[in-house]
Structure formats: C-alpha cells, structure tokens
N, C-alpha and C. Protein backbone atom coordinates (compact mmCIF):
# COMPACT_ATOMS: atom_id res chain seq x y z
N GLN A 1 -39.20 220.14 15.06
CA GLN A 1 -39.85 220.20 16.37
C GLN A 1 -39.98 218.79 16.92
N LEU A 2 -39.49 218.60 18.16
CA LEU A 2 -39.53 217.29 18.78
C LEU A 2 -40.95 216.93 19.19
N GLN A 3 -41.37 215.74 18.82
CA GLN A 3 -42.71 215.29 19.18
C GLN A 3 -42.75 213.78 19.41
N LEU A 4 -43.53 213.39 20.40
CA LEU A 4 -43.94 212.01 20.61
C LEU A 4 -45.46 212.06 20.68
N VAL A 5 -46.12 211.43 19.72
CA VAL A 5 -47.57 211.50 19.65
C VAL A 5 -48.16 210.10 19.75
N GLU A 6 -48.86 209.86 20.86
CA GLU A 6 -49.50 208.56 21.08
C GLU A 6 -50.88 208.53 20.44
N SER A 7 -51.29 207.35 20.05
CA SER A 7 -52.63 207.14 19.53
C SER A 7 -53.04 205.70 19.80
N GLY A 8 -54.34 205.44 19.65
CA GLY A 8 -54.84 204.08 19.78
C GLY A 8 -55.56 203.76 21.07
N GLY A 9 -55.59 204.70 22.00
CA GLY A 9 -56.30 204.45 23.24
C GLY A 9 -57.80 204.46 23.03
N GLY A 10 -58.51 204.09 24.10
CA GLY A 10 -59.96 204.08 24.02
C GLY A 10 -60.58 203.22 25.09
N LEU A 11 -61.86 202.93 24.91
CA LEU A 11 -62.62 202.10 25.84
C LEU A 11 -62.74 200.69 25.27
N VAL A 12 -62.43 199.71 26.09
CA VAL A 12 -62.49 198.32 25.64
C VAL A 12 -63.02 197.47 26.80
N GLN A 13 -63.70 196.39 26.46
CA GLN A 13 -64.21 195.48 27.48
C GLN A 13 -63.10 194.59 28.01
N PRO A 14 -63.24 194.10 29.21
CA PRO A 14 -62.25 193.15 29.74
C PRO A 14 -62.09 191.97 28.79
N GLY A 15 -60.84 191.57 28.61
CA GLY A 15 -60.53 190.50 27.68
C GLY A 15 -60.25 190.97 26.26
N GLY A 16 -60.51 192.24 26.01
CA GLY A 16 -60.29 192.78 24.68
C GLY A 16 -58.86 193.19 24.42
N SER A 17 -58.65 193.79 23.25
CA SER A 17 -57.30 194.19 22.82
C SER A 17 -57.30 195.62 22.32
N LEU A 18 -56.15 196.25 22.48
CA LEU A 18 -55.89 197.56 21.90
C LEU A 18 -54.44 197.59 21.43
N ARG A 19 -54.19 198.43 20.45
CA ARG A 19 -52.82 198.62 19.96
C ARG A 19 -52.49 200.09 20.03
N LEU A 20 -51.54 200.42 20.88
CA LEU A 20 -51.10 201.81 21.01
C LEU A 20 -49.91 202.06 20.08
N SER A 21 -49.89 203.23 19.50
CA SER A 21 -48.77 203.64 18.66
C SER A 21 -48.22 204.97 19.13
N CYS A 22 -46.94 205.15 18.93
CA CYS A 22 -46.27 206.40 19.26
C CYS A 22 -45.43 206.80 18.06
N ALA A 23 -45.74 207.94 17.49
CA ALA A 23 -44.99 208.46 16.34
C ALA A 23 -44.01 209.50 16.82
N ALA A 24 -42.74 209.31 16.48
CA ALA A 24 -41.68 210.19 16.94
C ALA A 24 -41.15 211.05 15.81
N SER A 25 -40.77 212.27 16.14
CA SER A 25 -40.17 213.17 15.16
C SER A 25 -39.31 214.20 15.89
N GLY A 26 -38.35 214.76 15.15
CA GLY A 26 -37.54 215.83 15.71
C GLY A 26 -36.29 215.37 16.43
N PHE A 27 -36.01 214.07 16.45
CA PHE A 27 -34.78 213.57 17.04
C PHE A 27 -34.43 212.25 16.36
N THR A 28 -33.22 211.76 16.63
CA THR A 28 -32.74 210.54 15.97
C THR A 28 -33.29 209.33 16.69
N PHE A 29 -34.45 208.90 16.24
CA PHE A 29 -35.23 207.88 16.93
C PHE A 29 -34.42 206.61 17.18
N ARG A 30 -33.64 206.19 16.20
CA ARG A 30 -32.96 204.89 16.28
C ARG A 30 -31.90 204.86 17.38
N ASN A 31 -31.53 206.01 17.92
CA ASN A 31 -30.52 206.08 18.97
C ASN A 31 -31.11 206.06 20.38
N PHE A 32 -32.43 206.01 20.46
CA PHE A 32 -33.10 206.13 21.74
C PHE A 32 -33.75 204.83 22.17
N VAL A 33 -33.61 204.51 23.45
CA VAL A 33 -34.40 203.46 24.07
C VAL A 33 -35.82 203.99 24.21
N MET A 34 -36.79 203.16 23.85
CA MET A 34 -38.18 203.59 23.90
C MET A 34 -38.95 202.76 24.93
N SER A 35 -39.86 203.42 25.62
CA SER A 35 -40.63 202.75 26.66
C SER A 35 -42.07 203.22 26.63
N TRP A 36 -42.91 202.40 27.22
CA TRP A 36 -44.28 202.78 27.54
C TRP A 36 -44.42 202.78 29.06
N TYR A 37 -45.00 203.84 29.58
CA TYR A 37 -45.34 203.96 30.98
C TYR A 37 -46.86 204.13 31.07
N ARG A 38 -47.37 203.95 32.27
CA ARG A 38 -48.78 204.24 32.50
C ARG A 38 -48.98 204.81 33.89
N GLN A 39 -50.05 205.57 34.02
CA GLN A 39 -50.38 206.15 35.31
C GLN A 39 -51.88 206.08 35.51
N ALA A 40 -52.26 205.35 36.54
CA ALA A 40 -53.66 205.23 36.90
C ALA A 40 -54.01 206.33 37.91
N PRO A 41 -55.29 206.68 38.02
CA PRO A 41 -55.69 207.73 38.97
C PRO A 41 -55.23 207.42 40.39
N GLY A 42 -54.56 208.38 41.00
CA GLY A 42 -54.13 208.22 42.37
C GLY A 42 -52.89 207.37 42.56
N LYS A 43 -52.29 206.95 41.45
CA LYS A 43 -51.11 206.09 41.53
C LYS A 43 -49.92 206.76 40.84
N GLU A 44 -48.73 206.26 41.15
CA GLU A 44 -47.53 206.78 40.50
C GLU A 44 -47.40 206.20 39.09
N ARG A 45 -46.68 206.93 38.27
CA ARG A 45 -46.41 206.44 36.92
C ARG A 45 -45.51 205.21 37.02
N GLU A 46 -45.83 204.18 36.24
CA GLU A 46 -45.06 202.94 36.29
C GLU A 46 -44.63 202.52 34.90
N LEU A 47 -43.48 201.85 34.85
CA LEU A 47 -42.96 201.33 33.59
C LEU A 47 -43.76 200.11 33.17
N VAL A 48 -44.17 200.11 31.91
CA VAL A 48 -44.91 198.98 31.36
C VAL A 48 -43.98 198.09 30.53
N ALA A 49 -43.22 198.70 29.63
CA ALA A 49 -42.34 197.93 28.76
C ALA A 49 -41.28 198.84 28.17
N THR A 50 -40.13 198.25 27.87
CA THR A 50 -38.99 198.97 27.29
C THR A 50 -38.40 198.15 26.17
N ILE A 51 -37.94 198.85 25.13
CA ILE A 51 -37.29 198.17 24.02
C ILE A 51 -36.00 198.91 23.69
N THR A 52 -34.95 198.15 23.38
CA THR A 52 -33.65 198.75 23.08
C THR A 52 -33.68 199.55 21.78
N SER A 53 -32.65 200.34 21.57
CA SER A 53 -32.64 201.25 20.42
C SER A 53 -32.73 200.50 19.09
N ALA A 54 -32.08 199.35 18.99
CA ALA A 54 -32.14 198.58 17.74
C ALA A 54 -33.31 197.61 17.70
N GLY A 55 -34.01 197.49 18.81
CA GLY A 55 -35.17 196.62 18.84
C GLY A 55 -34.85 195.17 19.14
N GLY A 56 -33.59 194.89 19.51
CA GLY A 56 -33.20 193.51 19.72
C GLY A 56 -33.56 192.94 21.08
N GLY A 57 -33.93 193.80 21.99
CA GLY A 57 -34.27 193.32 23.32
C GLY A 57 -35.40 194.13 23.92
N ALA A 58 -36.22 193.46 24.71
CA ALA A 58 -37.36 194.14 25.34
C ALA A 58 -37.62 193.52 26.69
N ILE A 59 -38.12 194.32 27.59
CA ILE A 59 -38.58 193.82 28.88
C ILE A 59 -40.00 194.33 29.12
N HIS A 60 -40.76 193.54 29.85
CA HIS A 60 -42.13 193.89 30.17
C HIS A 60 -42.34 193.73 31.67
N ALA A 61 -43.12 194.61 32.23
CA ALA A 61 -43.46 194.52 33.65
C ALA A 61 -44.15 193.19 33.92
N ASP A 62 -43.96 192.66 35.12
CA ASP A 62 -44.57 191.38 35.47
C ASP A 62 -46.09 191.43 35.33
N SER A 63 -46.68 192.58 35.59
CA SER A 63 -48.13 192.71 35.55
C SER A 63 -48.70 192.59 34.14
N VAL A 64 -47.86 192.76 33.12
CA VAL A 64 -48.35 192.70 31.74
C VAL A 64 -47.68 191.60 30.93
N LYS A 65 -46.72 190.92 31.52
CA LYS A 65 -45.97 189.90 30.80
C LYS A 65 -46.91 188.82 30.27
N GLY A 66 -46.72 188.49 29.00
CA GLY A 66 -47.57 187.49 28.36
C GLY A 66 -48.84 188.05 27.76
N ARG A 67 -49.13 189.32 28.08
CA ARG A 67 -50.35 189.95 27.53
C ARG A 67 -50.00 191.14 26.63
N PHE A 68 -48.96 191.88 26.98
CA PHE A 68 -48.55 193.07 26.22
C PHE A 68 -47.24 192.77 25.49
N THR A 69 -47.09 193.40 24.33
CA THR A 69 -45.83 193.27 23.58
C THR A 69 -45.43 194.63 23.02
N ILE A 70 -44.21 195.04 23.32
CA ILE A 70 -43.67 196.28 22.75
C ILE A 70 -42.86 195.94 21.51
N SER A 71 -42.94 196.82 20.51
CA SER A 71 -42.14 196.66 19.31
C SER A 71 -41.85 198.04 18.73
N ARG A 72 -40.92 198.09 17.79
CA ARG A 72 -40.58 199.37 17.17
C ARG A 72 -40.22 199.15 15.71
N ASP A 73 -40.36 200.23 14.95
CA ASP A 73 -39.97 200.24 13.55
C ASP A 73 -39.10 201.47 13.34
N ASN A 74 -37.80 201.26 13.24
CA ASN A 74 -36.88 202.38 13.11
C ASN A 74 -36.91 203.01 11.72
N THR A 75 -37.57 202.38 10.77
CA THR A 75 -37.72 202.99 9.45
C THR A 75 -38.91 203.96 9.43
N LYS A 76 -39.82 203.76 10.37
CA LYS A 76 -41.01 204.61 10.43
C LYS A 76 -41.04 205.49 11.68
N ASN A 77 -40.01 205.35 12.52
CA ASN A 77 -39.94 206.12 13.77
C ASN A 77 -41.18 205.93 14.63
N THR A 78 -41.57 204.69 14.80
CA THR A 78 -42.74 204.38 15.62
C THR A 78 -42.43 203.28 16.62
N VAL A 79 -43.10 203.35 17.74
CA VAL A 79 -43.06 202.28 18.73
C VAL A 79 -44.51 201.93 19.08
N THR A 80 -44.78 200.66 19.20
CA THR A 80 -46.15 200.23 19.45
C THR A 80 -46.22 199.37 20.72
N LEU A 81 -47.41 199.30 21.26
CA LEU A 81 -47.67 198.43 22.40
C LEU A 81 -48.95 197.66 22.08
N GLN A 82 -48.80 196.39 21.80
CA GLN A 82 -49.95 195.52 21.57
C GLN A 82 -50.43 195.01 22.91
N MET A 83 -51.68 195.28 23.23
CA MET A 83 -52.23 194.92 24.54
C MET A 83 -53.38 193.94 24.33
N ASN A 84 -53.21 192.74 24.83
CA ASN A 84 -54.23 191.70 24.73
C ASN A 84 -54.71 191.32 26.12
N SER A 85 -55.83 190.63 26.17
CA SER A 85 -56.40 190.15 27.43
C SER A 85 -56.44 191.27 28.47
N LEU A 86 -56.96 192.39 28.07
CA LEU A 86 -56.96 193.56 28.95
C LEU A 86 -57.83 193.33 30.18
N LYS A 87 -57.39 193.92 31.29
CA LYS A 87 -58.08 193.81 32.56
C LYS A 87 -58.46 195.21 33.05
N PRO A 88 -59.45 195.30 33.91
CA PRO A 88 -59.81 196.63 34.45
C PRO A 88 -58.63 197.35 35.09
N GLU A 89 -57.74 196.60 35.70
CA GLU A 89 -56.58 197.23 36.34
C GLU A 89 -55.56 197.77 35.35
N ASP A 90 -55.76 197.53 34.06
CA ASP A 90 -54.90 198.15 33.05
C ASP A 90 -55.36 199.57 32.70
N THR A 91 -56.49 199.98 33.25
CA THR A 91 -57.00 201.32 33.00
C THR A 91 -56.00 202.36 33.49
N ALA A 92 -55.61 203.27 32.58
CA ALA A 92 -54.60 204.27 32.92
C ALA A 92 -54.39 205.17 31.70
N VAL A 93 -53.66 206.24 31.93
CA VAL A 93 -53.12 207.01 30.81
C VAL A 93 -51.77 206.41 30.47
N TYR A 94 -51.57 206.10 29.20
CA TYR A 94 -50.34 205.46 28.73
C TYR A 94 -49.47 206.50 28.02
N TYR A 95 -48.20 206.52 28.42
CA TYR A 95 -47.26 207.51 27.90
C TYR A 95 -46.11 206.85 27.16
N CYS A 96 -45.74 207.45 26.07
CA CYS A 96 -44.56 207.06 25.32
C CYS A 96 -43.36 207.83 25.86
N ASN A 97 -42.23 207.14 25.96
CA ASN A 97 -41.02 207.75 26.54
C ASN A 97 -39.82 207.41 25.68
N ALA A 98 -38.98 208.41 25.43
CA ALA A 98 -37.74 208.21 24.68
C ALA A 98 -36.58 208.60 25.60
N ARG A 99 -35.56 207.75 25.65
CA ARG A 99 -34.45 208.01 26.58
C ARG A 99 -33.12 207.72 25.94
N ASN A 100 -32.22 208.70 26.04
CA ASN A 100 -30.83 208.53 25.66
C ASN A 100 -30.06 209.53 26.52
N TYR A 101 -29.49 210.53 25.91
CA TYR A 101 -28.84 211.58 26.70
C TYR A 101 -29.88 212.57 27.22
N GLU A 102 -31.06 212.51 26.68
CA GLU A 102 -32.20 213.29 27.15
C GLU A 102 -33.40 212.37 27.29
N ILE A 103 -34.41 212.89 27.95
CA ILE A 103 -35.65 212.12 28.13
C ILE A 103 -36.81 212.93 27.58
N TYR A 104 -37.62 212.27 26.74
CA TYR A 104 -38.77 212.93 26.15
C TYR A 104 -40.04 212.13 26.49
N TRP A 105 -41.14 212.86 26.61
CA TRP A 105 -42.43 212.24 26.92
C TRP A 105 -43.49 212.68 25.92
N GLY A 106 -44.40 211.77 25.63
CA GLY A 106 -45.58 212.13 24.88
C GLY A 106 -46.65 212.69 25.80
N GLN A 107 -47.78 213.05 25.21
CA GLN A 107 -48.85 213.69 25.99
C GLN A 107 -49.77 212.67 26.66
N GLY A 108 -49.67 211.42 26.24
CA GLY A 108 -50.46 210.37 26.85
C GLY A 108 -51.74 210.06 26.08
N THR A 109 -52.19 208.82 26.23
CA THR A 109 -53.45 208.40 25.64
C THR A 109 -54.20 207.55 26.67
N GLN A 110 -55.48 207.80 26.80
CA GLN A 110 -56.28 207.14 27.83
C GLN A 110 -56.70 205.74 27.36
N VAL A 111 -56.51 204.77 28.23
CA VAL A 111 -57.01 203.42 28.03
C VAL A 111 -57.94 203.10 29.19
N THR A 112 -59.17 202.74 28.86
CA THR A 112 -60.16 202.39 29.87
C THR A 112 -60.68 200.99 29.57
N VAL A 113 -60.55 200.11 30.55
CA VAL A 113 -61.02 198.74 30.42
C VAL A 113 -62.21 198.57 31.36
N SER A 114 -63.38 198.43 30.77
CA SER A 114 -64.59 198.37 31.58
C SER A 114 -65.70 197.71 30.79
N SER A 115 -66.58 197.02 31.52
CA SER A 115 -67.74 196.44 30.87
C SER A 115 -68.94 197.37 30.98
C-alpha cells in the first residue's frame, strides 16, 4: 500500500526549530524526486524545497533559503525538512510530495509558529 506519512509538526515560538519527516512506502522511493510543499490558510500551496532522486541536488524557495534544509535517506525511504529560525509566516500545513511518472501526496502536518 502506497503511503507518505509526515510527522514532526507542532507549535513552536518564533526563532525556534522543527524537523519534519516523511516516511514513504509502497513504491520505489529512490526513483522519485521528493519535495516539501506548504499551504497557509487562504493561500495556494507552494513549493518549499525539492531534492533529486539520488539526493545529489536540492533547491529551496527564496523565502526559506538559509533557514530550511531538505535531505533524504534512500536506505530508510525517508525525506526530512530541517526548519530553523522559524517565523510566523512559516505557519502552514506542510505536505510531502513524491514525483516521477506519478505524483503522490502525504496527508500533511501542521506547523504553527507563534508566541
């Protein structure tokens, strides 16, 4: 059964850190480009970061560059998003995405940055 299961979201104060994880199963993880997206209330879903199938290259949205880092472990079928120096505007539901010949989505995990 194909699954993308996110974890690690929660409530954090501005300036704090969170680490999101996405556990994949049911497909050949190492063949898929993996991404994190987010969607804030009333806004469209936006790309946060993407990493290539082998993990050799990654891009990050300008809004998170220098604060967030995407990584993956193809031996464990996981992709993570390390989020540092969080800001209130980072508040959103964060989604894991797998893309190759098909596109898969996780159910999302809520991140709230507030004092």
